N, C-alpha and C. Protein backbone atom coordinates (compact mmCIF):
# COMPACT_ATOMS: atom_id res chain seq x y z
N UNK A 1 27.83 3.58 -3.21
CA UNK A 1 26.89 2.51 -2.99
C UNK A 1 27.58 1.19 -3.32
N UNK A 2 27.46 0.25 -2.41
CA UNK A 2 28.13 -1.03 -2.62
C UNK A 2 27.34 -1.89 -3.62
N UNK A 3 28.00 -2.94 -4.09
CA UNK A 3 27.36 -3.86 -5.03
C UNK A 3 26.15 -4.52 -4.37
N UNK A 4 26.29 -4.85 -3.09
CA UNK A 4 25.18 -5.47 -2.36
C UNK A 4 23.97 -4.53 -2.33
N UNK A 5 24.21 -3.25 -2.07
CA UNK A 5 23.12 -2.27 -2.03
C UNK A 5 22.47 -2.12 -3.39
N UNK A 6 23.26 -2.12 -4.45
CA UNK A 6 22.71 -2.00 -5.80
C UNK A 6 21.87 -3.23 -6.16
N UNK A 7 22.31 -4.41 -5.75
CA UNK A 7 21.55 -5.62 -6.01
C UNK A 7 20.23 -5.64 -5.22
N UNK A 8 20.28 -5.16 -3.99
CA UNK A 8 19.06 -5.06 -3.20
C UNK A 8 18.07 -4.07 -3.83
N UNK A 9 18.58 -2.95 -4.32
CA UNK A 9 17.72 -1.97 -5.00
C UNK A 9 17.13 -2.57 -6.27
N UNK A 10 17.94 -3.31 -7.01
CA UNK A 10 17.45 -3.97 -8.21
C UNK A 10 16.36 -4.99 -7.88
N UNK A 11 16.53 -5.75 -6.80
CA UNK A 11 15.50 -6.71 -6.37
C UNK A 11 14.21 -5.99 -6.02
N UNK A 12 14.32 -4.83 -5.40
CA UNK A 12 13.13 -4.05 -5.05
C UNK A 12 12.39 -3.58 -6.30
N UNK A 13 13.14 -3.10 -7.28
CA UNK A 13 12.53 -2.65 -8.54
C UNK A 13 11.85 -3.81 -9.27
N UNK A 14 12.51 -4.94 -9.29
CA UNK A 14 11.94 -6.12 -9.96
C UNK A 14 10.67 -6.57 -9.24
N UNK A 15 10.70 -6.57 -7.90
CA UNK A 15 9.52 -6.97 -7.13
C UNK A 15 8.34 -6.05 -7.42
N UNK A 16 8.59 -4.73 -7.48
CA UNK A 16 7.51 -3.79 -7.79
C UNK A 16 6.99 -4.00 -9.21
N UNK A 17 7.88 -4.27 -10.13
CA UNK A 17 7.46 -4.52 -11.51
C UNK A 17 6.62 -5.77 -11.64
N UNK A 18 7.03 -6.82 -10.99
CA UNK A 18 6.29 -8.08 -11.03
C UNK A 18 4.96 -7.94 -10.30
N UNK A 19 4.92 -7.09 -9.28
CA UNK A 19 3.70 -6.87 -8.50
C UNK A 19 2.53 -6.49 -9.40
N UNK A 20 2.72 -5.58 -10.32
CA UNK A 20 1.63 -5.13 -11.17
C UNK A 20 1.26 -6.16 -12.22
N UNK A 21 2.21 -6.96 -12.65
CA UNK A 21 1.90 -8.07 -13.56
C UNK A 21 1.01 -9.08 -12.85
N UNK A 22 1.35 -9.41 -11.61
CA UNK A 22 0.56 -10.37 -10.83
C UNK A 22 -0.84 -9.80 -10.55
N UNK A 23 -0.93 -8.50 -10.29
CA UNK A 23 -2.24 -7.87 -10.08
C UNK A 23 -3.10 -8.04 -11.32
N UNK A 24 -2.53 -7.76 -12.50
CA UNK A 24 -3.30 -7.90 -13.74
C UNK A 24 -3.74 -9.35 -13.95
N UNK A 25 -2.88 -10.30 -13.66
CA UNK A 25 -3.25 -11.71 -13.78
C UNK A 25 -4.35 -12.07 -12.79
N UNK A 26 -4.23 -11.59 -11.56
CA UNK A 26 -5.25 -11.87 -10.55
C UNK A 26 -6.60 -11.30 -10.91
N UNK A 27 -6.60 -10.13 -11.53
CA UNK A 27 -7.86 -9.48 -11.90
C UNK A 27 -8.56 -10.17 -13.06
N UNK A 28 -7.86 -11.02 -13.79
CA UNK A 28 -8.51 -11.77 -14.86
C UNK A 28 -9.43 -12.85 -14.31
N UNK A 29 -9.17 -13.28 -13.07
CA UNK A 29 -9.94 -14.38 -12.52
C UNK A 29 -10.88 -14.03 -11.39
N UNK A 30 -10.80 -12.81 -10.86
CA UNK A 30 -11.68 -12.45 -9.75
C UNK A 30 -11.92 -10.95 -9.70
N UNK A 31 -12.99 -10.54 -9.02
CA UNK A 31 -13.30 -9.12 -8.92
C UNK A 31 -12.26 -8.37 -8.07
N UNK A 32 -12.11 -7.06 -8.31
CA UNK A 32 -11.09 -6.28 -7.60
C UNK A 32 -11.22 -6.29 -6.08
N UNK A 33 -12.45 -6.19 -5.57
CA UNK A 33 -12.61 -6.13 -4.12
C UNK A 33 -12.35 -7.48 -3.47
N UNK A 34 -12.63 -8.56 -4.16
CA UNK A 34 -12.31 -9.89 -3.64
C UNK A 34 -10.80 -10.08 -3.60
N UNK A 35 -10.11 -9.66 -4.65
CA UNK A 35 -8.65 -9.75 -4.68
C UNK A 35 -8.03 -8.92 -3.55
N UNK A 36 -8.58 -7.72 -3.31
CA UNK A 36 -8.08 -6.89 -2.21
C UNK A 36 -8.34 -7.55 -0.86
N UNK A 37 -9.51 -8.17 -0.72
CA UNK A 37 -9.81 -8.87 0.53
C UNK A 37 -8.88 -10.05 0.77
N UNK A 38 -8.57 -10.79 -0.28
CA UNK A 38 -7.62 -11.90 -0.15
C UNK A 38 -6.22 -11.39 0.20
N UNK A 39 -5.83 -10.30 -0.43
CA UNK A 39 -4.53 -9.70 -0.13
C UNK A 39 -4.46 -9.27 1.33
N UNK A 40 -5.52 -8.60 1.78
CA UNK A 40 -5.59 -8.14 3.17
C UNK A 40 -5.51 -9.32 4.13
N UNK A 41 -6.25 -10.38 3.85
CA UNK A 41 -6.27 -11.56 4.71
C UNK A 41 -4.91 -12.25 4.73
N UNK A 42 -4.30 -12.41 3.56
CA UNK A 42 -3.00 -13.09 3.49
C UNK A 42 -1.89 -12.30 4.16
N UNK A 43 -2.04 -10.99 4.24
CA UNK A 43 -1.04 -10.17 4.92
C UNK A 43 -1.33 -10.10 6.42
N UNK A 44 -2.60 -9.99 6.77
CA UNK A 44 -2.98 -9.83 8.18
C UNK A 44 -2.78 -11.10 8.99
N UNK A 45 -3.13 -12.23 8.43
CA UNK A 45 -3.07 -13.48 9.19
C UNK A 45 -1.68 -13.77 9.75
N UNK A 46 -0.61 -13.75 8.96
CA UNK A 46 0.71 -14.00 9.55
C UNK A 46 1.15 -12.87 10.49
N UNK A 47 0.72 -11.64 10.20
CA UNK A 47 1.13 -10.51 11.04
C UNK A 47 0.59 -10.64 12.47
N UNK A 48 -0.55 -11.28 12.62
CA UNK A 48 -1.13 -11.48 13.96
C UNK A 48 -0.16 -12.22 14.87
N UNK A 49 0.61 -13.14 14.30
CA UNK A 49 1.52 -13.95 15.10
C UNK A 49 2.89 -13.30 15.32
N UNK A 50 3.28 -12.35 14.47
CA UNK A 50 4.63 -11.80 14.56
C UNK A 50 4.70 -10.33 14.94
N UNK A 51 3.61 -9.61 14.85
CA UNK A 51 3.62 -8.18 15.13
C UNK A 51 2.76 -7.93 16.37
N UNK A 52 3.35 -7.23 17.33
CA UNK A 52 2.61 -6.91 18.55
C UNK A 52 1.55 -5.85 18.26
N UNK A 53 0.40 -5.98 18.87
CA UNK A 53 -0.70 -5.04 18.68
C UNK A 53 -0.31 -3.69 19.28
N UNK A 54 -0.48 -2.60 18.54
CA UNK A 54 -0.13 -1.29 19.08
C UNK A 54 -1.08 -0.88 20.21
N UNK A 55 -0.63 0.03 21.03
CA UNK A 55 -1.41 0.47 22.19
C UNK A 55 -2.40 1.56 21.79
N UNK A 56 -3.34 1.18 20.93
CA UNK A 56 -4.41 2.08 20.50
C UNK A 56 -5.72 1.32 20.57
N UNK A 57 -6.84 2.02 20.61
CA UNK A 57 -8.12 1.30 20.60
C UNK A 57 -8.26 0.44 19.34
N UNK A 58 -8.88 -0.72 19.51
CA UNK A 58 -9.03 -1.66 18.40
C UNK A 58 -9.77 -1.05 17.22
N UNK A 59 -10.75 -0.20 17.49
CA UNK A 59 -11.52 0.38 16.37
C UNK A 59 -10.63 1.23 15.47
N UNK A 60 -9.64 1.94 16.04
CA UNK A 60 -8.74 2.76 15.20
C UNK A 60 -7.81 1.86 14.39
N UNK A 61 -7.42 0.75 14.96
CA UNK A 61 -6.58 -0.19 14.23
C UNK A 61 -7.35 -0.79 13.06
N UNK A 62 -8.62 -1.12 13.28
CA UNK A 62 -9.46 -1.68 12.21
C UNK A 62 -9.69 -0.62 11.12
N UNK A 63 -9.99 0.61 11.52
CA UNK A 63 -10.20 1.69 10.55
C UNK A 63 -8.94 1.90 9.72
N UNK A 64 -7.79 1.93 10.36
CA UNK A 64 -6.53 2.11 9.65
C UNK A 64 -6.30 0.96 8.67
N UNK A 65 -6.47 -0.26 9.12
CA UNK A 65 -6.27 -1.42 8.25
C UNK A 65 -7.22 -1.45 7.07
N UNK A 66 -8.48 -1.08 7.31
CA UNK A 66 -9.46 -1.12 6.23
C UNK A 66 -9.26 0.01 5.22
N UNK A 67 -8.69 1.13 5.63
CA UNK A 67 -8.47 2.22 4.68
C UNK A 67 -7.12 2.10 3.99
N UNK A 68 -6.07 1.90 4.76
CA UNK A 68 -4.73 1.89 4.17
C UNK A 68 -4.42 0.57 3.48
N UNK A 69 -4.75 -0.53 4.09
CA UNK A 69 -4.41 -1.81 3.47
C UNK A 69 -5.48 -2.29 2.50
N UNK A 70 -6.71 -2.42 2.97
CA UNK A 70 -7.76 -2.94 2.10
C UNK A 70 -8.28 -1.89 1.11
N UNK A 71 -8.69 -0.76 1.61
CA UNK A 71 -9.32 0.25 0.76
C UNK A 71 -8.42 0.77 -0.35
N UNK A 72 -7.20 1.08 0.01
CA UNK A 72 -6.27 1.62 -0.98
C UNK A 72 -6.06 0.62 -2.12
N UNK A 73 -5.85 -0.63 -1.79
CA UNK A 73 -5.58 -1.61 -2.83
C UNK A 73 -6.86 -2.04 -3.55
N UNK A 74 -7.98 -2.00 -2.87
CA UNK A 74 -9.25 -2.33 -3.55
C UNK A 74 -9.51 -1.34 -4.68
N UNK A 75 -9.31 -0.06 -4.40
CA UNK A 75 -9.54 0.94 -5.45
C UNK A 75 -8.43 0.94 -6.49
N UNK A 76 -7.22 0.59 -6.09
CA UNK A 76 -6.14 0.43 -7.07
C UNK A 76 -6.48 -0.71 -8.03
N UNK A 77 -6.94 -1.84 -7.49
CA UNK A 77 -7.31 -2.98 -8.32
C UNK A 77 -8.49 -2.65 -9.21
N UNK A 78 -9.45 -1.90 -8.69
CA UNK A 78 -10.59 -1.48 -9.50
C UNK A 78 -10.14 -0.60 -10.66
N UNK A 79 -9.23 0.33 -10.39
CA UNK A 79 -8.72 1.21 -11.45
C UNK A 79 -8.00 0.40 -12.52
N UNK A 80 -7.21 -0.57 -12.12
CA UNK A 80 -6.50 -1.41 -13.09
C UNK A 80 -7.51 -2.23 -13.89
N UNK A 81 -8.52 -2.74 -13.22
CA UNK A 81 -9.56 -3.52 -13.92
C UNK A 81 -10.31 -2.65 -14.94
N UNK A 82 -10.49 -1.37 -14.61
CA UNK A 82 -11.20 -0.46 -15.51
C UNK A 82 -10.31 0.10 -16.62
N UNK A 83 -9.01 -0.20 -16.57
CA UNK A 83 -8.16 0.15 -17.69
C UNK A 83 -7.03 1.13 -17.44
N UNK A 84 -6.78 1.55 -16.21
CA UNK A 84 -5.64 2.44 -15.98
C UNK A 84 -4.35 1.66 -16.26
N UNK A 85 -3.41 2.24 -16.96
CA UNK A 85 -2.15 1.54 -17.22
C UNK A 85 -1.39 1.26 -15.92
N UNK A 86 -0.68 0.16 -15.89
CA UNK A 86 0.06 -0.23 -14.69
C UNK A 86 1.08 0.84 -14.29
N UNK A 87 1.68 1.51 -15.28
CA UNK A 87 2.68 2.54 -14.98
C UNK A 87 2.05 3.69 -14.21
N UNK A 88 0.88 4.13 -14.68
CA UNK A 88 0.18 5.23 -14.01
C UNK A 88 -0.32 4.79 -12.64
N UNK A 89 -0.80 3.56 -12.53
CA UNK A 89 -1.26 3.04 -11.24
C UNK A 89 -0.12 3.04 -10.23
N UNK A 90 1.07 2.69 -10.68
CA UNK A 90 2.23 2.69 -9.80
C UNK A 90 2.55 4.10 -9.32
N UNK A 91 2.47 5.08 -10.20
CA UNK A 91 2.73 6.46 -9.80
C UNK A 91 1.68 6.98 -8.83
N UNK A 92 0.42 6.65 -9.09
CA UNK A 92 -0.65 7.08 -8.20
C UNK A 92 -0.45 6.47 -6.81
N UNK A 93 -0.08 5.22 -6.77
CA UNK A 93 0.14 4.55 -5.49
C UNK A 93 1.28 5.19 -4.72
N UNK A 94 2.35 5.53 -5.41
CA UNK A 94 3.50 6.14 -4.74
C UNK A 94 3.26 7.59 -4.36
N UNK A 95 2.32 8.25 -5.02
CA UNK A 95 1.99 9.64 -4.67
C UNK A 95 1.36 9.74 -3.29
N UNK A 96 0.91 8.62 -2.75
CA UNK A 96 0.33 8.60 -1.42
C UNK A 96 1.27 9.20 -0.39
N UNK A 97 2.55 9.00 -0.55
CA UNK A 97 3.51 9.53 0.43
C UNK A 97 3.45 11.05 0.49
N UNK A 98 3.32 11.70 -0.65
CA UNK A 98 3.26 13.16 -0.68
C UNK A 98 1.95 13.67 -0.09
N UNK A 99 0.84 12.99 -0.39
CA UNK A 99 -0.45 13.39 0.17
C UNK A 99 -0.46 13.21 1.69
N UNK A 100 0.14 12.12 2.16
CA UNK A 100 0.21 11.88 3.59
C UNK A 100 1.01 12.98 4.27
N UNK A 101 2.14 13.34 3.68
CA UNK A 101 2.98 14.40 4.25
C UNK A 101 2.23 15.73 4.29
N UNK A 102 1.53 16.06 3.22
CA UNK A 102 0.77 17.32 3.18
C UNK A 102 -0.34 17.32 4.22
N UNK A 103 -1.05 16.21 4.35
CA UNK A 103 -2.12 16.13 5.35
C UNK A 103 -1.55 16.20 6.76
N UNK A 104 -0.42 15.57 6.99
CA UNK A 104 0.20 15.60 8.31
C UNK A 104 0.62 17.02 8.68
N UNK A 105 1.24 17.71 7.75
CA UNK A 105 1.68 19.08 8.02
C UNK A 105 0.49 19.98 8.30
N UNK A 106 -0.59 19.76 7.56
CA UNK A 106 -1.78 20.60 7.76
C UNK A 106 -2.45 20.30 9.10
N UNK A 107 -2.50 19.03 9.48
CA UNK A 107 -3.16 18.67 10.74
C UNK A 107 -2.32 19.05 11.95
N UNK A 108 -1.02 19.15 11.79
CA UNK A 108 -0.15 19.47 12.90
C UNK A 108 0.25 20.95 12.91
N UNK A 109 -0.34 21.74 12.09
CA UNK A 109 0.01 23.18 12.00
C UNK A 109 -0.15 23.82 13.38
N UNK A 110 0.93 24.40 13.85
CA UNK A 110 0.89 25.10 15.13
C UNK A 110 1.20 24.23 16.32
N UNK A 111 1.13 22.90 16.19
CA UNK A 111 1.41 22.04 17.33
C UNK A 111 2.81 21.45 17.27
N UNK A 112 3.30 21.20 16.09
CA UNK A 112 4.63 20.62 15.91
C UNK A 112 5.35 21.45 14.86
N UNK A 113 6.63 21.59 15.01
CA UNK A 113 7.40 22.32 14.02
C UNK A 113 8.21 21.32 13.20
N UNK A 114 7.65 20.81 12.10
CA UNK A 114 8.38 19.84 11.28
C UNK A 114 9.55 20.51 10.56
N UNK A 115 10.60 19.76 10.38
CA UNK A 115 11.79 20.27 9.72
C UNK A 115 11.70 20.01 8.23
N UNK A 116 10.66 20.48 7.59
CA UNK A 116 10.49 20.25 6.14
C UNK A 116 10.46 21.54 5.40
């Protein structure tokens, strides 16, 4: 691994660490669902101009955005507000990848042969 790659990895770790500090600070001044709504809006607004809309019905795009972007973080913020430690919140958030993989394998059973 090159020095550049190690520095990029370090920047990623620092960004994730600061992320939860900023969440805790944000939750001191506003309710969890409002903070999630602001996060969703601040991410969605610039994306409208730079990301092409996928070729799916708009309702599925809205459902996906409201569950994965807004819903996931709204409940994460609520858990932090109710007292879950930031370390555990980070692990729960990252566990999503494993749950997604398990759900995908189960839903595609018999139709696709994943190499897992």
